[in-house]
N, C-alpha and C. Protein backbone atom coordinates (compact mmCIF):
# COMPACT_ATOMS: atom_id res chain seq x y z
N MET A 1 9.21 -7.19 -79.57
CA MET A 1 10.33 -7.67 -79.43
C MET A 1 10.44 -9.15 -79.33
N SER A 2 11.37 -9.62 -80.00
CA SER A 2 11.55 -11.11 -80.52
C SER A 2 11.46 -11.98 -79.33
N GLN A 3 10.99 -13.26 -79.28
CA GLN A 3 10.98 -14.13 -77.96
C GLN A 3 12.49 -14.39 -77.41
N GLN A 4 13.32 -14.67 -78.41
CA GLN A 4 14.72 -15.26 -78.29
C GLN A 4 15.36 -13.94 -77.31
N LEU A 5 14.91 -12.46 -77.42
CA LEU A 5 15.64 -11.84 -76.66
C LEU A 5 14.91 -11.25 -75.47
N ILE A 6 13.99 -11.93 -74.97
CA ILE A 6 13.46 -11.91 -73.47
C ILE A 6 14.28 -12.62 -72.44
N TRP A 7 15.21 -11.76 -72.02
CA TRP A 7 15.62 -12.63 -70.91
C TRP A 7 15.62 -12.35 -69.61
N ARG A 8 14.82 -11.48 -69.31
CA ARG A 8 13.79 -11.20 -68.08
C ARG A 8 12.51 -11.93 -67.74
N ASN A 9 12.14 -12.02 -66.87
CA ASN A 9 10.90 -12.69 -66.71
C ASN A 9 9.97 -11.59 -66.49
N THR A 10 8.80 -11.78 -67.59
CA THR A 10 7.88 -10.64 -67.36
C THR A 10 6.79 -11.32 -66.55
N GLU A 11 5.41 -10.35 -66.37
CA GLU A 11 4.34 -10.86 -66.03
C GLU A 11 3.47 -12.10 -66.83
N LYS A 12 3.84 -12.07 -68.17
CA LYS A 12 3.13 -13.30 -69.16
C LYS A 12 4.22 -14.29 -69.21
N ARG A 13 5.32 -14.30 -69.19
CA ARG A 13 6.40 -15.55 -69.31
C ARG A 13 7.67 -15.49 -68.67
N TRP A 14 8.25 -16.39 -68.90
CA TRP A 14 9.37 -16.84 -67.68
C TRP A 14 10.54 -16.05 -69.20
N GLY A 15 11.57 -15.73 -68.53
CA GLY A 15 12.66 -14.90 -69.31
C GLY A 15 13.51 -16.21 -69.48
N TRP A 16 14.57 -15.96 -70.45
CA TRP A 16 15.45 -16.98 -70.78
C TRP A 16 16.44 -17.62 -69.87
N ILE A 17 16.92 -16.45 -69.17
CA ILE A 17 17.66 -16.74 -68.19
C ILE A 17 17.05 -17.91 -67.08
N SER A 18 15.48 -17.72 -66.59
CA SER A 18 14.83 -18.38 -65.72
C SER A 18 14.81 -19.80 -66.70
N ILE A 19 14.49 -19.79 -67.76
CA ILE A 19 14.16 -21.05 -68.65
C ILE A 19 15.30 -21.87 -68.69
N ILE A 20 16.78 -21.21 -68.75
CA ILE A 20 17.80 -22.16 -69.00
C ILE A 20 18.41 -22.66 -67.50
N ILE A 21 18.18 -21.69 -66.53
CA ILE A 21 18.48 -22.06 -65.10
C ILE A 21 17.59 -23.33 -64.79
N HIS A 22 16.34 -23.19 -65.05
CA HIS A 22 15.39 -24.49 -64.77
C HIS A 22 15.69 -25.76 -65.35
N TRP A 23 15.91 -25.38 -66.45
CA TRP A 23 16.46 -26.91 -67.37
C TRP A 23 17.50 -27.50 -67.18
N LEU A 24 18.53 -26.52 -66.70
CA LEU A 24 19.90 -27.01 -66.24
C LEU A 24 20.16 -27.73 -65.10
N THR A 25 19.11 -26.98 -64.12
CA THR A 25 19.06 -27.67 -62.86
C THR A 25 18.39 -28.99 -63.08
N ALA A 26 16.96 -29.24 -63.74
CA ALA A 26 16.48 -30.14 -64.09
C ALA A 26 17.51 -31.60 -64.35
N THR A 27 18.16 -31.09 -65.22
CA THR A 27 18.98 -32.04 -65.85
C THR A 27 20.19 -32.48 -64.62
N THR A 28 20.68 -31.69 -64.29
CA THR A 28 21.63 -31.93 -63.05
C THR A 28 21.21 -32.61 -61.90
N VAL A 29 19.96 -32.35 -61.56
CA VAL A 29 19.15 -33.19 -60.49
C VAL A 29 18.87 -34.49 -60.86
N ILE A 30 18.86 -34.70 -61.82
CA ILE A 30 18.14 -36.14 -62.03
C ILE A 30 19.60 -37.08 -62.62
N SER A 31 20.51 -36.37 -63.26
CA SER A 31 22.04 -36.79 -63.44
C SER A 31 22.63 -37.31 -62.22
N LEU A 32 22.48 -36.44 -61.11
CA LEU A 32 22.95 -36.44 -60.00
C LEU A 32 22.51 -37.88 -59.02
N PHE A 33 21.14 -38.14 -59.31
CA PHE A 33 20.52 -39.14 -58.62
C PHE A 33 20.86 -40.19 -59.20
N ILE A 34 20.61 -40.02 -60.37
CA ILE A 34 21.46 -41.52 -61.26
C ILE A 34 22.77 -41.83 -60.98
N LEU A 35 24.07 -40.75 -61.20
CA LEU A 35 25.16 -41.27 -60.65
C LEU A 35 25.18 -41.53 -59.35
N GLY A 36 24.51 -41.10 -58.38
CA GLY A 36 24.54 -41.36 -56.97
C GLY A 36 24.29 -42.88 -56.80
N LEU A 37 23.16 -43.37 -57.51
CA LEU A 37 22.76 -44.60 -57.27
C LEU A 37 23.78 -45.46 -58.07
N TRP A 38 24.15 -45.29 -58.82
CA TRP A 38 25.10 -45.85 -59.72
C TRP A 38 26.52 -46.10 -58.92
N MET A 39 27.22 -45.29 -58.31
CA MET A 39 28.03 -45.07 -57.62
C MET A 39 28.12 -45.80 -56.36
N VAL A 40 27.25 -46.07 -55.74
CA VAL A 40 27.43 -46.63 -54.15
C VAL A 40 27.57 -48.28 -54.69
N ASP A 41 27.33 -48.73 -55.91
CA ASP A 41 27.72 -50.19 -55.98
C ASP A 41 29.20 -50.22 -56.54
N LEU A 42 29.91 -49.61 -56.84
CA LEU A 42 31.15 -49.63 -57.23
C LEU A 42 31.93 -50.24 -56.05
N THR A 43 32.86 -51.23 -56.50
CA THR A 43 34.01 -51.90 -55.69
C THR A 43 35.14 -50.86 -56.04
N TYR A 44 35.79 -51.12 -54.98
CA TYR A 44 37.29 -50.42 -54.99
C TYR A 44 38.40 -50.66 -56.27
N TYR A 45 37.76 -51.94 -57.05
CA TYR A 45 38.69 -52.29 -58.50
C TYR A 45 38.05 -51.84 -59.49
N ASP A 46 36.76 -50.94 -59.47
CA ASP A 46 36.12 -50.18 -60.84
C ASP A 46 36.88 -49.26 -60.70
N ASP A 47 37.16 -48.88 -62.36
CA ASP A 47 37.83 -47.64 -63.02
C ASP A 47 37.24 -46.32 -62.35
N TRP A 48 35.92 -46.30 -62.30
CA TRP A 48 35.04 -45.06 -61.54
C TRP A 48 34.84 -45.04 -60.09
N TYR A 49 35.40 -45.96 -59.37
CA TYR A 49 35.35 -46.11 -57.84
C TYR A 49 35.44 -44.39 -57.42
N ARG A 50 36.88 -44.02 -57.84
CA ARG A 50 37.14 -42.43 -57.39
C ARG A 50 36.66 -41.44 -57.68
N THR A 51 36.72 -41.41 -59.42
CA THR A 51 36.27 -40.39 -60.11
C THR A 51 34.42 -40.16 -59.93
N ALA A 52 33.80 -40.92 -59.87
CA ALA A 52 32.38 -40.78 -60.08
C ALA A 52 32.25 -39.96 -58.88
N PRO A 53 32.73 -40.45 -57.34
CA PRO A 53 32.08 -39.40 -55.99
C PRO A 53 32.73 -38.12 -56.27
N GLU A 54 33.78 -37.87 -57.14
CA GLU A 54 34.23 -36.37 -56.93
C GLU A 54 33.67 -35.72 -58.42
N ILE A 55 33.19 -36.33 -59.40
CA ILE A 55 32.17 -36.03 -59.98
C ILE A 55 31.16 -35.50 -59.49
N HIS A 56 30.33 -36.07 -58.78
CA HIS A 56 29.19 -36.11 -57.85
C HIS A 56 29.15 -35.08 -57.04
N LYS A 57 30.20 -35.01 -56.22
CA LYS A 57 30.58 -33.82 -54.96
C LYS A 57 30.55 -32.68 -55.83
N SER A 58 31.70 -32.66 -56.83
CA SER A 58 31.72 -31.30 -57.43
C SER A 58 30.56 -30.77 -57.94
N THR A 59 29.86 -31.45 -58.79
CA THR A 59 28.52 -31.17 -59.26
C THR A 59 27.52 -30.51 -58.50
N GLY A 60 27.27 -31.48 -57.21
CA GLY A 60 26.47 -30.95 -56.29
C GLY A 60 26.80 -29.61 -55.46
N ILE A 61 27.96 -29.13 -55.70
CA ILE A 61 28.43 -27.94 -54.90
C ILE A 61 28.10 -27.00 -55.80
N CYS A 62 28.25 -27.34 -57.45
CA CYS A 62 28.02 -26.10 -58.45
C CYS A 62 26.24 -26.19 -58.36
N LEU A 63 25.31 -27.24 -58.44
CA LEU A 63 24.45 -26.84 -58.31
C LEU A 63 24.22 -25.99 -57.19
N LEU A 64 24.39 -26.29 -55.94
CA LEU A 64 24.23 -25.39 -54.57
C LEU A 64 24.33 -23.78 -55.41
N LEU A 65 25.50 -23.61 -56.00
CA LEU A 65 25.76 -22.35 -56.20
C LEU A 65 24.85 -21.73 -57.39
N LEU A 66 24.44 -22.47 -58.25
CA LEU A 66 23.45 -22.17 -59.24
C LEU A 66 22.20 -22.09 -58.69
N THR A 67 21.49 -22.59 -57.51
CA THR A 67 20.58 -22.66 -56.87
C THR A 67 20.40 -21.35 -56.37
N VAL A 68 21.33 -20.86 -55.49
CA VAL A 68 21.62 -19.28 -54.64
C VAL A 68 21.69 -18.44 -55.68
N VAL A 69 22.12 -18.37 -56.93
CA VAL A 69 22.15 -17.37 -57.58
C VAL A 69 20.79 -17.50 -58.49
N TYR A 70 20.14 -18.62 -58.49
CA TYR A 70 18.52 -18.67 -59.34
C TYR A 70 17.59 -17.79 -58.52
N LEU A 71 17.86 -18.22 -57.08
CA LEU A 71 16.84 -17.66 -56.03
C LEU A 71 17.38 -16.22 -56.04
N ALA A 72 18.28 -15.83 -56.18
CA ALA A 72 18.57 -14.02 -55.91
C ALA A 72 18.31 -13.95 -57.22
N TRP A 73 18.27 -14.25 -58.28
CA TRP A 73 17.53 -13.96 -59.78
C TRP A 73 16.20 -13.71 -59.49
N ARG A 74 15.67 -14.77 -58.77
CA ARG A 74 13.86 -14.67 -58.97
C ARG A 74 13.47 -13.64 -57.92
N THR A 75 14.26 -13.45 -56.87
CA THR A 75 14.05 -12.43 -55.91
C THR A 75 13.97 -10.95 -56.60
N ARG A 76 14.68 -10.60 -57.16
CA ARG A 76 14.91 -9.75 -58.04
C ARG A 76 14.17 -9.42 -59.19
N ASN A 77 13.86 -10.56 -59.94
CA ASN A 77 13.36 -10.49 -61.37
C ASN A 77 11.74 -11.06 -61.22
N GLY A 78 11.51 -11.50 -60.08
CA GLY A 78 9.80 -12.14 -60.23
C GLY A 78 9.75 -13.16 -60.98
N LYS A 79 8.41 -13.50 -61.13
CA LYS A 79 8.00 -14.67 -61.84
C LYS A 79 6.65 -14.31 -62.66
N PRO A 80 6.14 -14.97 -63.64
CA PRO A 80 4.97 -14.80 -64.37
C PRO A 80 3.93 -14.67 -63.13
N ALA A 81 2.86 -14.05 -63.75
CA ALA A 81 1.33 -14.66 -62.87
C ALA A 81 0.98 -15.91 -63.29
N SER A 82 0.35 -16.48 -62.51
CA SER A 82 -0.34 -17.69 -62.83
C SER A 82 -1.27 -17.25 -63.67
N LEU A 83 -1.83 -18.60 -64.36
CA LEU A 83 -2.63 -18.14 -65.69
C LEU A 83 -4.29 -18.28 -64.63
N SER A 84 -5.01 -17.28 -65.53
CA SER A 84 -6.35 -17.18 -64.83
C SER A 84 -7.14 -18.50 -65.11
N THR A 85 -6.62 -19.66 -65.37
CA THR A 85 -7.29 -20.82 -65.64
C THR A 85 -7.06 -21.96 -64.37
N HIS A 86 -5.80 -21.27 -63.74
CA HIS A 86 -5.57 -22.09 -62.51
C HIS A 86 -6.45 -21.67 -61.72
N SER A 87 -6.85 -22.87 -60.95
CA SER A 87 -7.64 -22.69 -59.77
C SER A 87 -6.65 -22.57 -58.42
N VAL A 88 -7.45 -22.00 -57.55
CA VAL A 88 -6.48 -21.83 -56.01
C VAL A 88 -5.67 -22.94 -55.47
N ILE A 89 -6.62 -24.25 -55.64
CA ILE A 89 -5.68 -25.04 -55.21
C ILE A 89 -4.43 -25.64 -56.10
N GLU A 90 -4.67 -25.27 -57.37
CA GLU A 90 -3.60 -25.49 -58.27
C GLU A 90 -2.43 -24.70 -57.96
N ILE A 91 -2.57 -23.51 -57.75
CA ILE A 91 -1.53 -22.37 -57.54
C ILE A 91 -0.94 -22.70 -56.17
N LYS A 92 -1.64 -23.17 -55.01
CA LYS A 92 -1.15 -23.36 -53.90
C LYS A 92 -0.46 -24.51 -53.84
N ALA A 93 -0.62 -25.80 -54.80
CA ALA A 93 -0.12 -26.81 -54.62
C ALA A 93 1.01 -26.84 -55.46
N ALA A 94 1.12 -26.02 -56.48
CA ALA A 94 2.20 -25.55 -57.36
C ALA A 94 3.42 -25.09 -56.19
N ARG A 95 2.87 -24.12 -55.60
CA ARG A 95 3.87 -23.10 -54.66
C ARG A 95 4.52 -24.43 -53.83
N LEU A 96 3.75 -24.98 -53.08
CA LEU A 96 4.03 -26.10 -51.99
C LEU A 96 5.40 -26.99 -52.95
N VAL A 97 4.95 -27.50 -53.94
CA VAL A 97 5.89 -28.30 -54.88
C VAL A 97 7.12 -27.87 -54.94
N HIS A 98 7.02 -26.41 -55.38
CA HIS A 98 8.39 -25.44 -55.88
C HIS A 98 8.97 -25.47 -54.10
N VAL A 99 8.44 -25.26 -53.44
CA VAL A 99 9.11 -24.77 -51.93
C VAL A 99 9.97 -26.11 -51.52
N LEU A 100 8.83 -27.21 -51.63
CA LEU A 100 9.77 -28.45 -51.29
C LEU A 100 10.75 -28.64 -51.97
N ILE A 101 10.80 -28.77 -53.36
CA ILE A 101 12.15 -28.87 -54.18
C ILE A 101 13.17 -28.17 -53.70
N TYR A 102 13.09 -26.69 -53.23
CA TYR A 102 14.30 -26.28 -53.01
C TYR A 102 14.70 -26.61 -51.33
N VAL A 103 13.78 -26.69 -50.57
CA VAL A 103 14.00 -27.30 -49.37
C VAL A 103 14.92 -28.58 -49.51
N LEU A 104 14.37 -29.30 -50.07
CA LEU A 104 14.95 -30.86 -50.67
C LEU A 104 16.68 -30.85 -50.97
N LEU A 105 16.66 -29.86 -52.15
CA LEU A 105 17.71 -29.64 -52.58
C LEU A 105 19.16 -29.38 -51.83
N PHE A 106 18.48 -28.13 -50.70
CA PHE A 106 19.52 -27.67 -49.92
C PHE A 106 19.64 -28.74 -48.78
N LEU A 107 18.66 -29.62 -48.29
CA LEU A 107 19.07 -30.53 -47.54
C LEU A 107 19.74 -31.69 -47.84
N ILE A 108 19.74 -31.77 -49.24
CA ILE A 108 20.60 -33.33 -49.70
C ILE A 108 22.06 -32.50 -49.76
N ILE A 109 21.99 -31.39 -50.34
CA ILE A 109 23.37 -30.90 -50.53
C ILE A 109 24.26 -30.74 -49.15
N PHE A 110 23.46 -30.31 -48.30
CA PHE A 110 24.03 -30.29 -46.61
C PHE A 110 24.40 -31.83 -46.35
N SER A 111 23.65 -32.87 -46.48
CA SER A 111 23.80 -34.07 -46.15
C SER A 111 24.83 -34.57 -47.03
N GLY A 112 25.21 -34.33 -48.12
CA GLY A 112 26.14 -34.69 -49.12
C GLY A 112 27.23 -33.96 -48.44
N TYR A 113 27.23 -32.73 -48.08
CA TYR A 113 28.52 -32.23 -47.49
C TYR A 113 28.82 -32.82 -46.26
N LEU A 114 28.15 -33.34 -45.43
CA LEU A 114 28.29 -33.99 -44.05
C LEU A 114 28.76 -35.48 -44.48
N ILE A 115 28.54 -36.04 -45.66
CA ILE A 115 28.79 -37.35 -45.97
C ILE A 115 30.45 -37.14 -46.50
N SER A 116 30.65 -36.12 -47.02
CA SER A 116 31.82 -35.80 -47.89
C SER A 116 32.99 -35.08 -47.00
N THR A 117 32.48 -34.44 -45.83
CA THR A 117 33.54 -34.17 -44.82
C THR A 117 33.77 -34.88 -43.73
N ALA A 118 33.28 -35.88 -43.52
CA ALA A 118 32.94 -36.80 -42.36
C ALA A 118 34.33 -36.85 -41.75
N ASP A 119 35.51 -37.11 -42.79
CA ASP A 119 36.58 -37.61 -42.25
C ASP A 119 37.47 -36.46 -42.16
N GLY A 120 37.08 -34.95 -42.37
CA GLY A 120 37.68 -34.05 -42.17
C GLY A 120 38.72 -33.26 -43.36
N ARG A 121 38.20 -33.99 -44.20
CA ARG A 121 38.92 -33.53 -45.66
C ARG A 121 37.82 -32.53 -46.36
N ALA A 122 38.49 -31.87 -46.98
CA ALA A 122 37.77 -30.73 -47.75
C ALA A 122 37.14 -31.18 -48.95
N ILE A 123 36.27 -30.58 -49.48
CA ILE A 123 35.64 -31.26 -50.80
C ILE A 123 36.07 -30.18 -51.76
N ASP A 124 37.07 -31.08 -52.78
CA ASP A 124 37.44 -30.17 -54.10
C ASP A 124 36.67 -30.44 -55.10
N VAL A 125 36.23 -28.96 -55.50
CA VAL A 125 35.24 -28.99 -56.54
C VAL A 125 35.84 -28.75 -58.01
N PHE A 126 35.85 -29.69 -58.74
CA PHE A 126 36.64 -29.83 -60.06
C PHE A 126 38.02 -29.13 -60.17
N SER A 127 38.80 -29.21 -58.97
CA SER A 127 40.25 -28.69 -58.75
C SER A 127 40.40 -27.14 -58.95
N VAL A 128 39.39 -26.60 -58.77
CA VAL A 128 39.36 -25.10 -58.89
C VAL A 128 39.25 -24.60 -57.56
N PHE A 129 38.61 -24.92 -56.83
CA PHE A 129 38.35 -24.46 -55.17
C PHE A 129 37.73 -25.76 -54.48
N GLU A 130 37.77 -25.32 -52.95
CA GLU A 130 37.73 -26.24 -51.94
C GLU A 130 37.08 -25.63 -50.87
N ILE A 131 35.92 -26.70 -50.66
CA ILE A 131 34.98 -26.23 -49.56
C ILE A 131 35.43 -26.96 -48.52
N PRO A 132 35.96 -26.39 -47.14
CA PRO A 132 36.51 -27.16 -46.20
C PRO A 132 35.41 -27.70 -45.32
N ALA A 133 36.15 -28.53 -44.50
CA ALA A 133 35.29 -29.35 -43.61
C ALA A 133 35.08 -28.83 -42.30
N THR A 134 33.98 -28.08 -42.07
CA THR A 134 33.68 -27.48 -41.08
C THR A 134 32.90 -28.38 -39.65
N ILE A 135 32.39 -29.34 -40.24
CA ILE A 135 31.49 -30.04 -39.35
C ILE A 135 32.15 -31.86 -39.73
N TYR A 136 32.77 -32.29 -38.81
CA TYR A 136 33.28 -33.36 -39.01
C TYR A 136 33.81 -34.43 -37.65
N GLY A 137 34.13 -35.62 -38.06
CA GLY A 137 34.09 -36.44 -36.49
C GLY A 137 33.13 -36.82 -35.41
N VAL A 138 32.06 -36.38 -36.08
CA VAL A 138 30.76 -36.98 -35.09
C VAL A 138 30.50 -38.43 -35.63
N ASP A 139 30.04 -39.21 -34.28
CA ASP A 139 30.13 -40.34 -34.47
C ASP A 139 29.02 -41.06 -35.57
N GLN A 140 29.74 -41.78 -36.47
CA GLN A 140 28.97 -42.15 -37.69
C GLN A 140 28.39 -41.30 -38.38
N GLN A 141 28.78 -40.24 -38.50
CA GLN A 141 28.07 -38.96 -39.33
C GLN A 141 28.19 -39.41 -41.17
N GLU A 142 29.11 -40.27 -41.56
CA GLU A 142 28.98 -40.72 -42.78
C GLU A 142 27.99 -41.57 -43.09
N ASP A 143 27.67 -42.52 -42.34
CA ASP A 143 26.75 -43.51 -42.36
C ASP A 143 25.53 -42.96 -41.93
N ILE A 144 25.18 -41.93 -41.18
CA ILE A 144 23.74 -41.28 -40.63
C ILE A 144 23.59 -40.66 -42.10
N ALA A 145 24.66 -39.83 -42.48
CA ALA A 145 24.22 -38.55 -43.31
C ALA A 145 23.92 -39.41 -44.58
N GLY A 146 24.51 -40.45 -44.91
CA GLY A 146 24.29 -41.28 -46.22
C GLY A 146 23.04 -41.82 -46.20
N VAL A 147 22.45 -42.11 -45.10
CA VAL A 147 20.89 -42.45 -45.19
C VAL A 147 20.06 -41.47 -45.43
N VAL A 148 20.45 -40.53 -44.92
CA VAL A 148 19.71 -39.10 -45.09
C VAL A 148 19.55 -38.54 -46.20
N HIS A 149 20.61 -38.94 -46.81
CA HIS A 149 20.82 -38.17 -48.04
C HIS A 149 20.23 -38.89 -49.11
N LEU A 150 20.15 -40.11 -49.08
CA LEU A 150 19.47 -41.38 -49.72
C LEU A 150 17.94 -40.87 -49.73
N VAL A 151 17.45 -41.07 -48.52
CA VAL A 151 16.11 -40.70 -48.39
C VAL A 151 15.60 -39.68 -48.93
N LEU A 152 16.30 -38.19 -48.63
CA LEU A 152 16.12 -37.24 -49.25
C LEU A 152 15.81 -37.15 -50.45
N ALA A 153 16.98 -37.60 -51.22
CA ALA A 153 17.20 -37.68 -52.85
C ALA A 153 15.76 -38.58 -53.65
N ILE A 154 15.51 -39.68 -52.80
CA ILE A 154 14.34 -40.38 -53.37
C ILE A 154 13.04 -39.46 -53.04
N SER A 155 12.96 -38.50 -52.02
CA SER A 155 12.04 -37.63 -51.79
C SER A 155 11.93 -36.70 -52.85
N LEU A 156 12.86 -36.15 -53.21
CA LEU A 156 13.25 -35.07 -54.38
C LEU A 156 12.72 -35.75 -55.34
N MET A 157 12.78 -37.01 -55.82
CA MET A 157 12.31 -37.41 -57.23
C MET A 157 10.88 -37.67 -57.18
N VAL A 158 10.38 -37.94 -55.96
CA VAL A 158 8.85 -38.14 -55.77
C VAL A 158 8.31 -36.61 -56.38
N VAL A 159 8.66 -35.87 -55.62
CA VAL A 159 8.54 -34.27 -55.64
C VAL A 159 8.65 -34.07 -57.29
N VAL A 160 9.71 -34.02 -57.97
CA VAL A 160 9.88 -33.88 -59.24
C VAL A 160 9.10 -34.46 -59.92
N ALA A 161 8.75 -35.62 -59.85
CA ALA A 161 7.72 -36.69 -60.72
C ALA A 161 6.41 -35.75 -60.36
N LEU A 162 5.90 -35.33 -59.43
CA LEU A 162 4.52 -34.62 -59.15
C LEU A 162 4.71 -33.21 -59.83
N HIS A 163 5.95 -32.67 -60.08
CA HIS A 163 5.96 -31.37 -60.66
C HIS A 163 6.02 -31.78 -62.40
N VAL A 164 6.61 -32.77 -62.77
CA VAL A 164 6.31 -33.25 -63.98
C VAL A 164 4.89 -33.23 -64.46
N ALA A 165 4.37 -34.46 -63.47
CA ALA A 165 3.02 -34.73 -63.85
C ALA A 165 2.19 -33.45 -63.78
N GLY A 166 2.23 -32.46 -63.22
CA GLY A 166 1.47 -31.19 -62.94
C GLY A 166 1.71 -30.46 -64.37
N ALA A 167 2.80 -30.30 -64.81
CA ALA A 167 3.12 -29.95 -66.08
C ALA A 167 2.52 -30.51 -67.51
N LEU A 168 2.72 -31.98 -67.45
CA LEU A 168 1.70 -32.46 -68.14
C LEU A 168 0.63 -32.63 -68.40
N LYS A 169 0.04 -32.32 -67.04
CA LYS A 169 -1.55 -32.25 -66.98
C LYS A 169 -2.10 -30.84 -67.56
N HIS A 170 -1.32 -29.90 -66.93
CA HIS A 170 -1.58 -28.42 -67.76
C HIS A 170 -1.14 -28.46 -69.43
N HIS A 171 -0.58 -29.23 -69.70
CA HIS A 171 -0.11 -29.39 -71.22
C HIS A 171 -1.25 -30.03 -72.02
N PHE A 172 -1.36 -31.51 -71.82
CA PHE A 172 -2.33 -32.17 -72.11
C PHE A 172 -3.70 -32.40 -72.14
N ILE A 173 -3.89 -31.94 -70.66
CA ILE A 173 -5.17 -32.10 -70.47
C ILE A 173 -6.14 -30.71 -70.31
N ASP A 174 -5.31 -29.81 -69.59
CA ASP A 174 -5.88 -28.38 -69.80
C ASP A 174 -5.39 -27.76 -71.02
N LYS A 175 -4.87 -28.27 -72.09
CA LYS A 175 -4.10 -27.34 -72.71
C LYS A 175 -4.13 -25.95 -72.60
N ASP A 176 -3.14 -25.55 -71.77
CA ASP A 176 -2.93 -24.44 -71.21
C ASP A 176 -1.48 -24.13 -71.51
N LEU A 177 -0.89 -22.99 -71.15
CA LEU A 177 0.15 -22.46 -71.77
C LEU A 177 1.47 -22.72 -70.42
N THR A 178 0.99 -23.28 -69.42
CA THR A 178 2.09 -23.75 -68.63
C THR A 178 3.32 -24.13 -68.70
N LEU A 179 3.34 -25.22 -69.46
CA LEU A 179 4.47 -26.09 -70.00
C LEU A 179 5.29 -24.97 -71.28
N LYS A 180 4.55 -24.42 -72.00
CA LYS A 180 4.76 -23.60 -73.32
C LYS A 180 6.01 -22.65 -72.57
N ARG A 181 5.32 -22.01 -71.53
CA ARG A 181 6.18 -20.88 -70.66
C ARG A 181 7.50 -21.53 -70.62
N MET A 182 7.48 -22.41 -69.81
CA MET A 182 8.90 -22.83 -69.50
C MET A 182 9.52 -23.41 -70.32
N LEU A 183 9.12 -23.71 -71.57
CA LEU A 183 9.86 -24.26 -72.87
C LEU A 183 10.46 -23.05 -73.61
N GLY A 184 10.01 -21.49 -73.32
CA GLY A 184 10.21 -20.75 -73.99
C GLY A 184 9.50 -20.62 -75.46
N LEU A 185 8.17 -21.55 -75.39
CA LEU A 185 7.60 -21.21 -76.47
C LEU A 185 6.48 -20.01 -76.32
N PRO A 186 5.98 -19.36 -77.62
CA PRO A 186 5.13 -18.23 -77.64
C PRO A 186 3.84 -18.81 -77.36
């Protein structure tokens, strides 16, 4: 069977659905981080003052949906076995990093939700649907959630950097298939 036709994960490799979702998630997370840092310095008179936060919030909600879909897919579809060259410490470190990425993603999205709904307004997601405000009116909710959101986002970037460093170490130093499998290469 051709490499391009393998959509589901196998014991030896990631399927294209997992690969596409992985890279879409990675691109989205990094883009949201950059957009978030940029937009907090916008002033009322900037053209993007209202638009950037709307894009940030809507994309964050879409990332939540994508992450939930992916985790459901992973639960039903499994994942490739670790390579025989990976040590027990590397396998445990990889699992920890992956768990941290998902926990941080969910906490960041939740804190973003608390920021966005602090005034009781729903989150409009690209004018397609709304996420209602269910927790609002807490004293200093927007400010506290904002600090938490930033700290968690920076923490996520640190964990992502460890994830990338591990993948590059496997590719360039160990010269194994870890990165190639996530790139869909034979």
